[in-house]
Each structure stands twice: as C-alpha cells, then as structure tokens.
C-alpha cells in the first residue's frame, strides 16, 4: 500500500495583477488568460510506500510547498487526484487531515506569540486529535 499517491496532480495560480488604489483589484479587469496563469504542479505522479523516507527537492518556485498544501487539503488541486493514507484529498478531506500530523507555517502570523507546544496543541485540536 502507498501512504501517498498522486495521479496527474495539477495546480495553477493566476499571476498577480496590477492592483488599484488601496490594493483592491479593479472591477474592469478581465478573466485571466493562459498568459496570466502560473502552473505550480503539472501532471505530478508520485507513489510513496508506507515507511518509505521521501524528500521533495527543488529550487524556489518549483512547487514543493504547493504539493504539500494540496496533499494536506489546504489547497484544492485543479486537476488529477491524490490519495493520502488511502483517503482522497477531494472527497475525504476530514479523513486526510485526521491521518496527518502537520503544523503549517514558518512565517510569523497569527500564531507567532504561541510557544511551539501551544502551536502543536492548537493545530491538534483543529484536527480533533487526542491530547496525550
């Protein structure tokens, strides 16, 4: 059995556009064309067996973080599918999250004042993990 399997996983982002006054998009801006899209993941196929040690390596902007965010259901892939511990990231998001132990971030946002332990307890509570 595979812990993680992706088949044709794809994720695209609209490129940042010029924003109007106060940082808001202008209403008259058109729908993004093909030239306005950045492909972060392009038909990614991987299979990671249970117990296998696996690393994602690549330069900045190669899609490593996007891949992790899609696998952990933080982002929704635009195409393809992914299974995490046998659960589909599209159809069984709560089961995927319950089977992972993940704390996101590194940037100092809302949780920067919490200790490492408090961050772990906070995110564990979001995923309804038992406190031990």
Protein backbone atom coordinates (compact mmCIF):
# COMPACT_ATOMS: atom_id res chain seq x y z
CA UNK A 1 0.00 0.00 0.00
CA UNK A 2 1.06 3.57 -0.65
CA UNK A 3 0.90 6.28 2.01
CA UNK A 4 0.82 8.95 -0.69
CA UNK A 5 -0.12 8.57 -4.32
CA UNK A 6 -0.78 11.27 -6.89
CA UNK A 7 -2.06 10.80 -10.41
CA UNK A 8 -1.81 13.78 -12.76
CA UNK A 9 -1.89 16.28 -9.89
CA UNK A 10 -2.14 19.81 -11.27
CA UNK A 11 -2.37 23.22 -9.62
CA UNK A 12 -2.43 26.60 -11.36
CA UNK A 13 -2.43 30.11 -9.95
CA UNK A 14 -3.46 33.38 -11.56
CA UNK A 15 -0.45 35.68 -11.81
CA UNK A 16 -0.56 38.77 -9.66
CA UNK A 17 -2.05 41.69 -11.49
CA UNK A 18 -1.72 45.40 -11.03
CA UNK A 19 -3.95 46.46 -8.20
CA UNK A 20 -5.81 49.72 -7.95
CA UNK A 21 -5.80 52.23 -5.13
CA UNK A 22 -5.78 50.67 -1.64
CA UNK A 23 -4.68 47.28 -3.05
CA UNK A 24 -8.06 46.20 -4.46
CA UNK A 25 -8.44 44.66 -7.92
CA UNK A 26 -10.15 46.87 -10.41
CA UNK A 27 -13.61 45.67 -11.49
CA UNK A 28 -12.81 46.14 -15.16
CA UNK A 29 -10.00 43.58 -15.17
CA UNK A 30 -10.65 40.62 -17.50
CA UNK A 31 -10.72 36.95 -16.59
CA UNK A 32 -7.13 35.55 -16.63
CA UNK A 33 -5.93 34.17 -19.96
CA UNK A 34 -3.37 31.39 -20.42
CA UNK A 35 -0.61 34.01 -20.23
CA UNK A 36 -1.85 35.11 -16.81
CA UNK A 37 -1.54 31.65 -15.23
CA UNK A 38 1.42 30.10 -13.40
CA UNK A 39 1.49 26.31 -13.37
CA UNK A 40 2.80 25.21 -9.97
CA UNK A 41 2.13 21.47 -10.39
CA UNK A 42 1.94 19.95 -13.85
CA UNK A 43 0.62 16.36 -14.02
CA UNK A 44 2.62 15.16 -10.98
CA UNK A 45 2.68 11.39 -10.44
CA UNK A 46 4.31 10.01 -7.29
CA UNK A 47 3.95 6.91 -5.15
CA UNK A 48 5.37 6.79 -1.65
CA UNK A 49 5.14 3.48 0.19
CA UNK A 50 4.30 3.25 3.87
CA UNK A 51 7.52 3.54 5.88
CA UNK A 52 9.49 4.96 2.95
CA UNK A 53 11.66 8.02 3.50
CA UNK A 54 10.95 10.59 0.78
CA UNK A 55 12.12 14.16 0.18
CA UNK A 56 10.87 16.92 -2.09
CA UNK A 57 13.83 18.81 -3.51
CA UNK A 58 13.88 21.66 -5.97
CA UNK A 59 14.61 25.33 -6.44
CA UNK A 60 12.41 28.14 -5.20
CA UNK A 61 9.14 28.22 -7.10
CA UNK A 62 9.25 24.58 -8.20
CA UNK A 63 6.02 23.61 -6.41
CA UNK A 64 7.24 21.88 -3.23
CA UNK A 65 5.04 23.87 -0.85
CA UNK A 66 2.10 23.74 -3.25
CA UNK A 67 2.42 19.94 -3.35
CA UNK A 68 2.40 19.67 0.46
CA UNK A 69 -0.55 22.05 0.71
CA UNK A 70 -2.53 20.02 -1.85
CA UNK A 71 -1.71 16.76 -0.08
CA UNK A 72 -2.80 18.19 3.27
CA UNK A 73 -6.03 19.69 1.82
CA UNK A 74 -5.00 23.29 2.46
CA UNK A 75 -5.18 23.89 -1.31
CA UNK A 76 -7.55 22.20 -3.73
CA UNK A 77 -5.82 20.76 -6.81
CA UNK A 78 -7.14 21.93 -10.18
CA UNK A 79 -6.69 18.54 -11.80
CA UNK A 80 -5.75 14.96 -11.11
CA UNK A 81 -6.16 13.21 -7.82
CA UNK A 82 -4.20 12.41 -4.69
CA UNK A 83 -4.61 9.75 -2.04
CA UNK A 84 -3.13 10.20 1.42
CA UNK A 85 -3.21 7.09 3.61
CA UNK A 86 -5.89 5.75 1.27
CA UNK A 87 -8.13 8.82 1.54
CA UNK A 88 -8.96 11.04 -1.45
CA UNK A 89 -7.98 14.69 -0.93
CA UNK A 90 -11.09 15.82 -2.87
CA UNK A 91 -13.75 13.61 -1.28
CA UNK A 92 -12.41 12.71 2.17
CA UNK A 93 -10.71 15.89 3.38
CA UNK A 94 -11.53 15.36 7.05
CA UNK A 95 -10.11 11.82 6.95
CA UNK A 96 -6.94 13.05 5.22
CA UNK A 97 -6.47 15.72 7.88
CA UNK A 98 -7.13 13.28 10.72
CA UNK A 99 -4.47 10.93 9.34
CA UNK A 100 -1.77 13.63 9.17
CA UNK A 101 0.26 15.38 11.82
CA UNK A 102 1.05 18.74 10.28
CA UNK A 103 1.65 22.25 11.53
CA UNK A 104 1.77 24.80 8.72
CA UNK A 105 3.72 27.97 8.59
CA UNK A 106 7.06 29.26 9.48
CA UNK A 107 6.03 32.77 8.82
CA UNK A 108 5.12 34.83 11.86
CA UNK A 109 1.39 35.33 11.50
CA UNK A 110 -1.46 34.92 13.98
CA UNK A 111 0.28 32.19 15.96
CA UNK A 112 3.69 33.80 16.42
CA UNK A 113 3.12 34.50 20.12
CA UNK A 114 2.35 30.86 20.91
CA UNK A 115 5.08 28.50 22.05
CA UNK A 116 5.95 25.51 19.89
CA UNK A 117 3.97 23.28 22.26
CA UNK A 118 0.93 25.60 22.19
CA UNK A 119 1.06 25.67 18.37
CA UNK A 120 1.08 21.86 18.29
CA UNK A 121 -1.83 21.68 20.75
CA UNK A 122 -3.78 24.30 18.80
CA UNK A 123 -3.40 22.55 15.45
CA UNK A 124 -4.02 19.14 17.02
CA UNK A 125 -7.32 20.44 18.39
CA UNK A 126 -8.31 21.64 14.91
CA UNK A 127 -7.85 18.10 13.64
CA UNK A 128 -9.60 16.62 16.69
CA UNK A 129 -6.52 14.70 17.78
CA UNK A 130 -6.44 13.20 21.26
CA UNK A 131 -4.38 15.04 23.83
CA UNK A 132 -1.75 12.74 25.38
